[in-house]
C-alpha atoms as a PDB file:
ATOM      1  CA  MET A   1     -16.178  86.566 -50.244  1.00  0.00           C
ATOM      2  CA  ALA A   2     -13.118  84.702 -49.012  1.00  0.00           C
ATOM      3  CA  SER A   3     -10.910  86.627 -46.629  1.00  0.00           C
ATOM      4  CA  THR A   4      -7.310  87.404 -47.508  1.00  0.00           C
ATOM      5  CA  ALA A   5      -4.458  87.984 -45.091  1.00  0.00           C
ATOM      6  CA  ILE A   6      -1.421  89.898 -46.292  1.00  0.00           C
ATOM      7  CA  GLY A   7       1.373  90.968 -43.992  1.00  0.00           C
ATOM      8  CA  ASN A   8       4.847  90.317 -42.689  1.00  0.00           C
ATOM      9  CA  ALA A   9       6.249  88.560 -39.638  1.00  0.00           C
ATOM     10  CA  THR A  10       5.169  91.398 -37.351  1.00  0.00           C
ATOM     11  CA  GLY A  11       1.600  91.401 -38.649  1.00  0.00           C
ATOM     12  CA  SER A  12       1.817  94.853 -40.254  1.00  0.00           C
ATOM     13  CA  ILE A  13       0.512  95.518 -43.773  1.00  0.00           C
ATOM     14  CA  SER A  14       2.518  97.554 -46.240  1.00  0.00           C
ATOM     15  CA  ARG A  15       1.008 100.560 -47.991  1.00  0.00           C
ATOM     16  CA  SER A  16       1.485  98.919 -51.412  1.00  0.00           C
ATOM     17  CA  ALA A  17      -0.384  95.812 -50.222  1.00  0.00           C
ATOM     18  CA  VAL A  18      -3.279  97.933 -48.956  1.00  0.00           C
ATOM     19  CA  GLU A  19      -3.425  99.855 -52.260  1.00  0.00           C
ATOM     20  CA  GLN A  20      -3.451  96.595 -54.216  1.00  0.00           C
ATOM     21  CA  ILE A  21      -6.309  95.186 -52.111  1.00  0.00           C
ATOM     22  CA  VAL A  22      -8.353  98.374 -52.536  1.00  0.00           C
ATOM     23  CA  ARG A  23      -7.693  98.418 -56.283  1.00  0.00           C
ATOM     24  CA  GLN A  24      -8.721  94.777 -56.707  1.00  0.00           C
ATOM     25  CA  VAL A  25     -11.921  95.189 -54.675  1.00  0.00           C
ATOM     26  CA  ALA A  26     -12.864  98.341 -56.585  1.00  0.00           C
ATOM     27  CA  LEU A  27     -12.320  96.686 -59.957  1.00  0.00           C
ATOM     28  CA  GLU A  28     -14.288  93.610 -58.926  1.00  0.00           C
ATOM     29  CA  TYR A  29     -17.180  95.878 -57.954  1.00  0.00           C
ATOM     30  CA  LEU A  30     -16.997  97.881 -61.176  1.00  0.00           C
ATOM     31  CA  GLY A  31     -16.843  94.704 -63.227  1.00  0.00           C
ATOM     32  CA  ARG A  32     -20.148  93.584 -61.735  1.00  0.00           C
ATOM     33  CA  GLN A  33     -21.931  96.819 -62.551  1.00  0.00           C
ATOM     34  CA  LYS A  34     -23.445  97.357 -65.986  1.00  0.00           C
ATOM     35  CA  GLY A  35     -22.068 100.532 -67.416  1.00  0.00           C
ATOM     36  CA  GLY A  36     -19.552 100.840 -64.569  1.00  0.00           C
ATOM     37  CA  ALA A  37     -16.519 103.027 -65.113  1.00  0.00           C
ATOM     38  CA  ALA A  38     -13.570 101.271 -66.720  1.00  0.00           C
ATOM     39  CA  PRO A  39     -10.302 100.910 -64.808  1.00  0.00           C
ATOM     40  CA  VAL A  40      -7.858 103.756 -65.385  1.00  0.00           C
ATOM     41  CA  LEU A  41      -5.608 103.113 -68.374  1.00  0.00           C
ATOM     42  CA  THR A  42      -2.107 104.562 -68.688  1.00  0.00           C
ATOM     43  CA  VAL A  43      -0.445 104.565 -72.134  1.00  0.00           C
ATOM     44  CA  GLN A  44       3.297 105.168 -72.223  1.00  0.00           C
ATOM     45  CA  THR A  45       6.079 105.456 -74.759  1.00  0.00           C
ATOM     46  CA  SER A  46       8.889 102.969 -74.271  1.00  0.00           C
ATOM     47  CA  SER A  47      12.161 104.348 -75.633  1.00  0.00           C
ATOM     48  CA  ARG A  48      14.982 102.112 -76.825  1.00  0.00           C
ATOM     49  CA  HIS A  49      16.644 100.251 -73.986  1.00  0.00           C
ATOM     50  CA  MET A  50      18.451  97.093 -72.915  1.00  0.00           C
ATOM     51  CA  HIS A  51      17.776  94.313 -70.407  1.00  0.00           C
ATOM     52  CA  VAL A  52      20.917  92.592 -69.155  1.00  0.00           C
ATOM     53  CA  CYS A  53      21.666  89.191 -67.623  1.00  0.00           C
ATOM     54  CA  ARG A  54      24.102  88.517 -64.785  1.00  0.00           C
ATOM     55  CA  LYS A  55      26.866  87.153 -67.027  1.00  0.00           C
ATOM     56  CA  ASP A  56      26.760  90.100 -69.438  1.00  0.00           C
ATOM     57  CA  MET A  57      26.537  92.579 -66.546  1.00  0.00           C
ATOM     58  CA  ASP A  58      29.800  91.177 -65.188  1.00  0.00           C
ATOM     59  CA  THR A  59      31.487  91.570 -68.578  1.00  0.00           C
ATOM     60  CA  LEU A  60      30.168  95.054 -69.326  1.00  0.00           C
ATOM     61  CA  PHE A  61      30.525  96.639 -65.879  1.00  0.00           C
ATOM     62  CA  GLY A  62      32.864  94.348 -63.942  1.00  0.00           C
ATOM     63  CA  PRO A  63      32.467  91.145 -61.885  1.00  0.00           C
ATOM     64  CA  GLY A  64      29.815  91.429 -59.178  1.00  0.00           C
ATOM     65  CA  SER A  65      28.542  94.795 -60.400  1.00  0.00           C
ATOM     66  CA  GLU A  66      24.921  95.700 -59.778  1.00  0.00           C
ATOM     67  CA  LEU A  67      22.481  98.003 -61.533  1.00  0.00           C
ATOM     68  CA  THR A  68      22.218 101.416 -59.900  1.00  0.00           C
ATOM     69  CA  PHE A  69      18.649 102.633 -59.339  1.00  0.00           C
ATOM     70  CA  ASP A  70      17.881 105.896 -61.138  1.00  0.00           C
ATOM     71  CA  ARG A  71      14.079 106.172 -61.233  1.00  0.00           C
ATOM     72  CA  PRO A  72      11.062 103.861 -60.879  1.00  0.00           C
ATOM     73  CA  LEU A  73       9.001 102.716 -63.859  1.00  0.00           C
ATOM     74  CA  PHE A  74       5.224 102.394 -63.898  1.00  0.00           C
ATOM     75  CA  GLN A  75       5.151  98.661 -63.236  1.00  0.00           C
ATOM     76  CA  GLU A  76       6.114  97.881 -59.649  1.00  0.00           C
ATOM     77  CA  GLY A  77       9.644  96.505 -59.208  1.00  0.00           C
ATOM     78  CA  ASN A  78      10.907  97.790 -62.570  1.00  0.00           C
ATOM     79  CA  PHE A  79      13.302 100.715 -62.818  1.00  0.00           C
ATOM     80  CA  ALA A  80      15.576 102.695 -65.087  1.00  0.00           C
ATOM     81  CA  ALA A  81      19.203 102.197 -64.105  1.00  0.00           C
ATOM     82  CA  LYS A  82      21.962 104.777 -64.281  1.00  0.00           C
ATOM     83  CA  GLU A  83      24.072 102.381 -66.342  1.00  0.00           C
ATOM     84  CA  THR A  84      24.189 102.840 -70.120  1.00  0.00           C
ATOM     85  CA  VAL A  85      25.945 101.021 -72.949  1.00  0.00           C
ATOM     86  CA  THR A  86      26.760 101.503 -76.625  1.00  0.00           C
ATOM     87  CA  ILE A  87      25.216  99.219 -79.256  1.00  0.00           C
ATOM     88  CA  VAL A  88      26.996  98.609 -82.570  1.00  0.00           C
ATOM     89  CA  GLY A  89      24.890  97.410 -85.517  1.00  0.00           C
ATOM     90  CA  PRO A  90      25.787  95.318 -88.567  1.00  0.00           C
ATOM     91  CA  ARG A  91      26.984  98.352 -90.541  1.00  0.00           C
ATOM     92  CA  SER A  92      29.296  99.443 -87.711  1.00  0.00           C
ATOM     93  CA  ARG A  93      26.889 102.249 -86.898  1.00  0.00           C
ATOM     94  CA  LEU A  94      26.264 102.819 -83.219  1.00  0.00           C
ATOM     95  CA  ILE A  95      23.915 104.291 -80.641  1.00  0.00           C
ATOM     96  CA  SER A  96      25.486 105.415 -77.389  1.00  0.00           C
ATOM     97  CA  ASN A  97      23.833 105.999 -74.014  1.00  0.00           C
ATOM     98  CA  LEU A  98      21.481 103.037 -74.434  1.00  0.00           C
ATOM     99  CA  ARG A  99      19.727 102.848 -71.065  1.00  0.00           C
ATOM    100  CA  ILE A 100      19.586  99.592 -69.092  1.00  0.00           C
ATOM    101  CA  LEU A 101      16.334  98.754 -67.316  1.00  0.00           C
ATOM    102  CA  GLY A 102      16.198  96.639 -64.185  1.00  0.00           C
ATOM    103  CA  PRO A 103      15.949  94.227 -62.624  1.00  0.00           C
ATOM    104  CA  MET A 104      18.337  91.865 -64.392  1.00  0.00           C
ATOM    105  CA  ARG A 105      16.904  89.214 -66.687  1.00  0.00           C
ATOM    106  CA  LYS A 106      17.825  85.616 -67.457  1.00  0.00           C
ATOM    107  CA  GLN A 107      18.802  86.695 -70.984  1.00  0.00           C
ATOM    108  CA  SER A 108      20.067  89.976 -72.357  1.00  0.00           C
ATOM    109  CA  GLN A 109      18.009  91.724 -75.007  1.00  0.00           C
ATOM    110  CA  VAL A 110      17.789  95.093 -76.742  1.00  0.00           C
ATOM    111  CA  GLU A 111      14.479  96.753 -77.640  1.00  0.00           C
ATOM    112  CA  LEU A 112      14.557  99.309 -80.456  1.00  0.00           C
ATOM    113  CA  ALA A 113      12.065 101.347 -82.447  1.00  0.00           C
ATOM    114  CA  PHE A 114      12.057 100.614 -86.184  1.00  0.00           C
ATOM    115  CA  THR A 115      13.861 103.865 -87.031  1.00  0.00           C
ATOM    116  CA  ASP A 116      16.578 103.013 -84.473  1.00  0.00           C
ATOM    117  CA  ALA A 117      17.022  99.609 -86.140  1.00  0.00           C
ATOM    118  CA  ILE A 118      17.268 101.075 -89.641  1.00  0.00           C
ATOM    119  CA  MET A 119      19.856 103.585 -88.475  1.00  0.00           C
ATOM    120  CA  LEU A 120      21.960 100.756 -87.030  1.00  0.00           C
ATOM    121  CA  GLY A 121      21.674  98.704 -90.219  1.00  0.00           C
ATOM    122  CA  PHE A 122      18.965  96.186 -89.278  1.00  0.00           C
ATOM    123  CA  ASN A 123      16.713  96.021 -92.338  1.00  0.00           C
ATOM    124  CA  ASP A 124      14.153  93.503 -91.065  1.00  0.00           C
ATOM    125  CA  ILE A 125      14.038  93.647 -87.279  1.00  0.00           C
ATOM    126  CA  PRO A 126      11.417  91.215 -85.904  1.00  0.00           C
ATOM    127  CA  VAL A 127       8.479  92.387 -83.797  1.00  0.00           C
ATOM    128  CA  ARG A 128       8.445  90.257 -80.644  1.00  0.00           C
ATOM    129  CA  LEU A 129       7.181  90.278 -77.090  1.00  0.00           C
ATOM    130  CA  SER A 130       9.886  90.888 -74.510  1.00  0.00           C
ATOM    131  CA  GLY A 131      11.735  87.655 -73.757  1.00  0.00           C
ATOM    132  CA  ASP A 132      10.906  86.019 -77.099  1.00  0.00           C
ATOM    133  CA  ILE A 133      14.319  86.372 -78.712  1.00  0.00           C
ATOM    134  CA  ALA A 134      14.991  83.002 -80.387  1.00  0.00           C
ATOM    135  CA  GLY A 135      16.240  83.509 -83.932  1.00  0.00           C
ATOM    136  CA  THR A 136      16.508  87.294 -83.650  1.00  0.00           C
ATOM    137  CA  PRO A 137      19.545  89.359 -84.756  1.00  0.00           C
ATOM    138  CA  GLY A 138      22.480  90.007 -82.467  1.00  0.00           C
ATOM    139  CA  ALA A 139      24.718  93.020 -81.909  1.00  0.00           C
ATOM    140  CA  VAL A 140      27.899  94.140 -80.223  1.00  0.00           C
ATOM    141  CA  ILE A 141      27.384  95.834 -76.847  1.00  0.00           C
ATOM    142  CA  ILE A 142      30.149  98.011 -75.380  1.00  0.00           C
ATOM    143  CA  GLY A 143      30.317  98.804 -71.666  1.00  0.00           C
ATOM    144  CA  PRO A 144      32.912 100.630 -69.553  1.00  0.00           C
ATOM    145  CA  LYS A 145      34.641  97.370 -68.561  1.00  0.00           C
ATOM    146  CA  GLY A 146      34.190  95.091 -71.548  1.00  0.00           C
ATOM    147  CA  VAL A 147      32.424  94.076 -74.731  1.00  0.00           C
ATOM    148  CA  VAL A 148      29.624  91.524 -75.252  1.00  0.00           C
ATOM    149  CA  GLU A 149      28.676  90.069 -78.626  1.00  0.00           C
ATOM    150  CA  LEU A 150      25.012  89.127 -78.465  1.00  0.00           C
ATOM    151  CA  LYS A 151      24.266  86.239 -80.812  1.00  0.00           C
ATOM    152  CA  GLU A 152      20.559  87.118 -80.661  1.00  0.00           C
ATOM    153  CA  GLY A 153      18.280  89.425 -78.714  1.00  0.00           C
ATOM    154  CA  VAL A 154      17.674  92.579 -80.784  1.00  0.00           C
ATOM    155  CA  ILE A 155      13.937  93.129 -81.275  1.00  0.00           C
ATOM    156  CA  ARG A 156      11.257  95.690 -81.899  1.00  0.00           C
ATOM    157  CA  ALA A 157       8.956  95.219 -78.909  1.00  0.00           C
ATOM    158  CA  ALA A 158       5.362  94.426 -79.869  1.00  0.00           C
ATOM    159  CA  ILE A 159       2.796  96.897 -78.555  1.00  0.00           C
ATOM    160  CA  HIS A 160       1.277  95.307 -75.451  1.00  0.00           C
ATOM    161  CA  VAL A 161      -0.910  95.911 -72.413  1.00  0.00           C
ATOM    162  CA  HIS A 162      -0.093  94.887 -68.844  1.00  0.00           C
ATOM    163  CA  MET A 163      -3.028  94.097 -66.555  1.00  0.00           C
ATOM    164  CA  ASN A 164      -3.876  92.103 -63.457  1.00  0.00           C
ATOM    165  CA  PRO A 165      -6.419  89.225 -63.436  1.00  0.00           C
ATOM    166  CA  THR A 166      -9.289  91.426 -62.236  1.00  0.00           C
ATOM    167  CA  GLU A 167      -8.691  93.943 -65.009  1.00  0.00           C
ATOM    168  CA  ALA A 168      -8.500  91.062 -67.481  1.00  0.00           C
ATOM    169  CA  SER A 169     -11.860  89.833 -66.208  1.00  0.00           C
ATOM    170  CA  TYR A 170     -13.324  93.315 -66.672  1.00  0.00           C
ATOM    171  CA  PHE A 171     -12.261  93.374 -70.331  1.00  0.00           C
ATOM    172  CA  GLY A 172     -13.065  89.691 -70.880  1.00  0.00           C
ATOM    173  CA  VAL A 173      -9.594  88.767 -72.100  1.00  0.00           C
ATOM    174  CA  GLN A 174      -6.959  86.162 -71.322  1.00  0.00           C
ATOM    175  CA  LYS A 175      -3.173  86.086 -71.517  1.00  0.00           C
ATOM    176  CA  GLY A 176      -2.096  85.939 -75.150  1.00  0.00           C
ATOM    177  CA  ASP A 177      -5.246  87.601 -76.507  1.00  0.00           C
ATOM    178  CA  ARG A 178      -4.993  90.710 -78.640  1.00  0.00           C
ATOM    179  CA  MET A 179      -6.919  93.918 -78.131  1.00  0.00           C
ATOM    180  CA  LYS A 180      -7.407  97.193 -79.982  1.00  0.00           C
ATOM    181  CA  LEU A 181      -6.150 100.571 -78.797  1.00  0.00           C
ATOM    182  CA  ARG A 182      -7.901 103.580 -80.309  1.00  0.00           C
ATOM    183  CA  ILE A 183      -6.015 106.861 -80.178  1.00  0.00           C
ATOM    184  CA  GLY A 184      -8.123 109.892 -81.119  1.00  0.00           C
ATOM    185  CA  GLY A 185      -7.064 113.343 -82.210  1.00  0.00           C
ATOM    186  CA  GLN A 186      -5.922 114.844 -85.496  1.00  0.00           C
ATOM    187  CA  ALA A 187      -3.521 111.949 -86.122  1.00  0.00           C
ATOM    188  CA  GLY A 188      -5.921 109.311 -84.818  1.00  0.00           C
ATOM    189  CA  VAL A 189      -4.855 105.683 -85.162  1.00  0.00           C
ATOM    190  CA  THR A 190      -6.250 102.322 -84.052  1.00  0.00           C
ATOM    191  CA  PHE A 191      -3.679  99.665 -83.146  1.00  0.00           C
ATOM    192  CA  ASN A 192      -5.207  96.235 -83.819  1.00  0.00           C
ATOM    193  CA  ASN A 193      -2.638  93.868 -82.298  1.00  0.00           C
ATOM    194  CA  VAL A 194      -2.140  94.915 -78.687  1.00  0.00           C
ATOM    195  CA  HIS A 195      -0.823  91.807 -76.917  1.00  0.00           C
ATOM    196  CA  VAL A 196      -2.351  91.042 -73.511  1.00  0.00           C
ATOM    197  CA  ARG A 197       0.064  90.287 -70.660  1.00  0.00           C
ATOM    198  CA  ILE A 198      -1.434  89.351 -67.286  1.00  0.00           C
ATOM    199  CA  ASP A 199       0.272  89.284 -63.900  1.00  0.00           C
ATOM    200  CA  PRO A 200      -1.159  89.696 -60.367  1.00  0.00           C
ATOM    201  CA  THR A 201       1.186  92.614 -59.643  1.00  0.00           C
ATOM    202  CA  SER A 202       0.554  94.504 -62.905  1.00  0.00           C
ATOM    203  CA  ARG A 203      -1.156  97.863 -63.310  1.00  0.00           C
ATOM    204  CA  LEU A 204      -3.231  98.612 -66.435  1.00  0.00           C
ATOM    205  CA  ASN A 205      -0.651 100.017 -68.800  1.00  0.00           C
ATOM    206  CA  VAL A 206      -0.020  99.978 -72.569  1.00  0.00           C
ATOM    207  CA  HIS A 207       3.557 100.195 -73.842  1.00  0.00           C
ATOM    208  CA  MET A 208       4.278 101.382 -77.390  1.00  0.00           C
ATOM    209  CA  ASP A 209       7.569 102.387 -78.968  1.00  0.00           C
ATOM    210  CA  THR A 210       8.583 105.906 -79.999  1.00  0.00           C
ATOM    211  CA  ASP A 211       7.670 105.389 -83.671  1.00  0.00           C
ATOM    212  CA  GLU A 212       4.146 104.300 -82.741  1.00  0.00           C
ATOM    213  CA  ALA A 213       3.723 107.154 -80.265  1.00  0.00           C
ATOM    214  CA  ASN A 214       4.909 109.762 -82.778  1.00  0.00           C
ATOM    215  CA  ALA A 215       2.695 108.353 -85.539  1.00  0.00           C
ATOM    216  CA  CYS A 216      -0.487 108.752 -83.497  1.00  0.00           C
ATOM    217  CA  GLY A 217       0.478 111.991 -81.715  1.00  0.00           C
ATOM    218  CA  LEU A 218       0.133 110.283 -78.348  1.00  0.00           C
ATOM    219  CA  HIS A 219       1.351 113.310 -76.387  1.00  0.00           C
ATOM    220  CA  LEU A 220      -1.337 115.528 -77.945  1.00  0.00           C
ATOM    221  CA  THR A 221      -4.485 113.606 -77.028  1.00  0.00           C
ATOM    222  CA  LYS A 222      -6.392 112.270 -74.036  1.00  0.00           C
ATOM    223  CA  ASP A 223      -8.930 110.509 -76.299  1.00  0.00           C
ATOM    224  CA  ILE A 224      -7.755 106.933 -75.726  1.00  0.00           C
ATOM    225  CA  GLU A 225      -9.784 103.722 -75.553  1.00  0.00           C
ATOM    226  CA  LEU A 226      -8.798 100.081 -75.038  1.00  0.00           C
ATOM    227  CA  LEU A 227     -11.152  97.629 -76.746  1.00  0.00           C
ATOM    228  CA  LYS A 228     -11.530  93.862 -76.862  1.00  0.00           C
END
């Protein structure tokens, strides 16, 4: 096995780096064992939210403004900000207190559940992976310092799973593949199009929207299985 050196200028190793090394080694070992325990899967509900770019942040909250950290999200480096905005749909209906998630993105986008979209007046909101916003509907976004008219960027986020390369190897999948997520219980459902997203820093984690979570009674069951 090739050795790996991770540290900073002083030669110390951060706790997060140590945890990542241990996790990778453990998963590599489990992946080599027939019948070995699967890596721990976390399934979470992703409520409606917005990602904002630098230009739109300046307009909505003032030039040079920054997102204010409120709480960490499951994936390292991502967080819920204290800043919120109001979104106005095509029928002049609105949703206030739309949470912004950080860090900032290259393009602004809004992720809604289907019922949110219908309430705002979007009759055919596209299901897309985050960042894939070409040709999607736009909306008016109101902040405390200004208003932004998004020409595109309103989507229903496709159900997806984050994983690192070792976890991907365990499941035998590649970036862009689709998996199945079986949710047991009285309202059991199997989701057939779970998009695979792979990044070295990711932790095994499925994101679904509030409509999907409510439909399968996610909060009522621990009988969950991710399948190729």
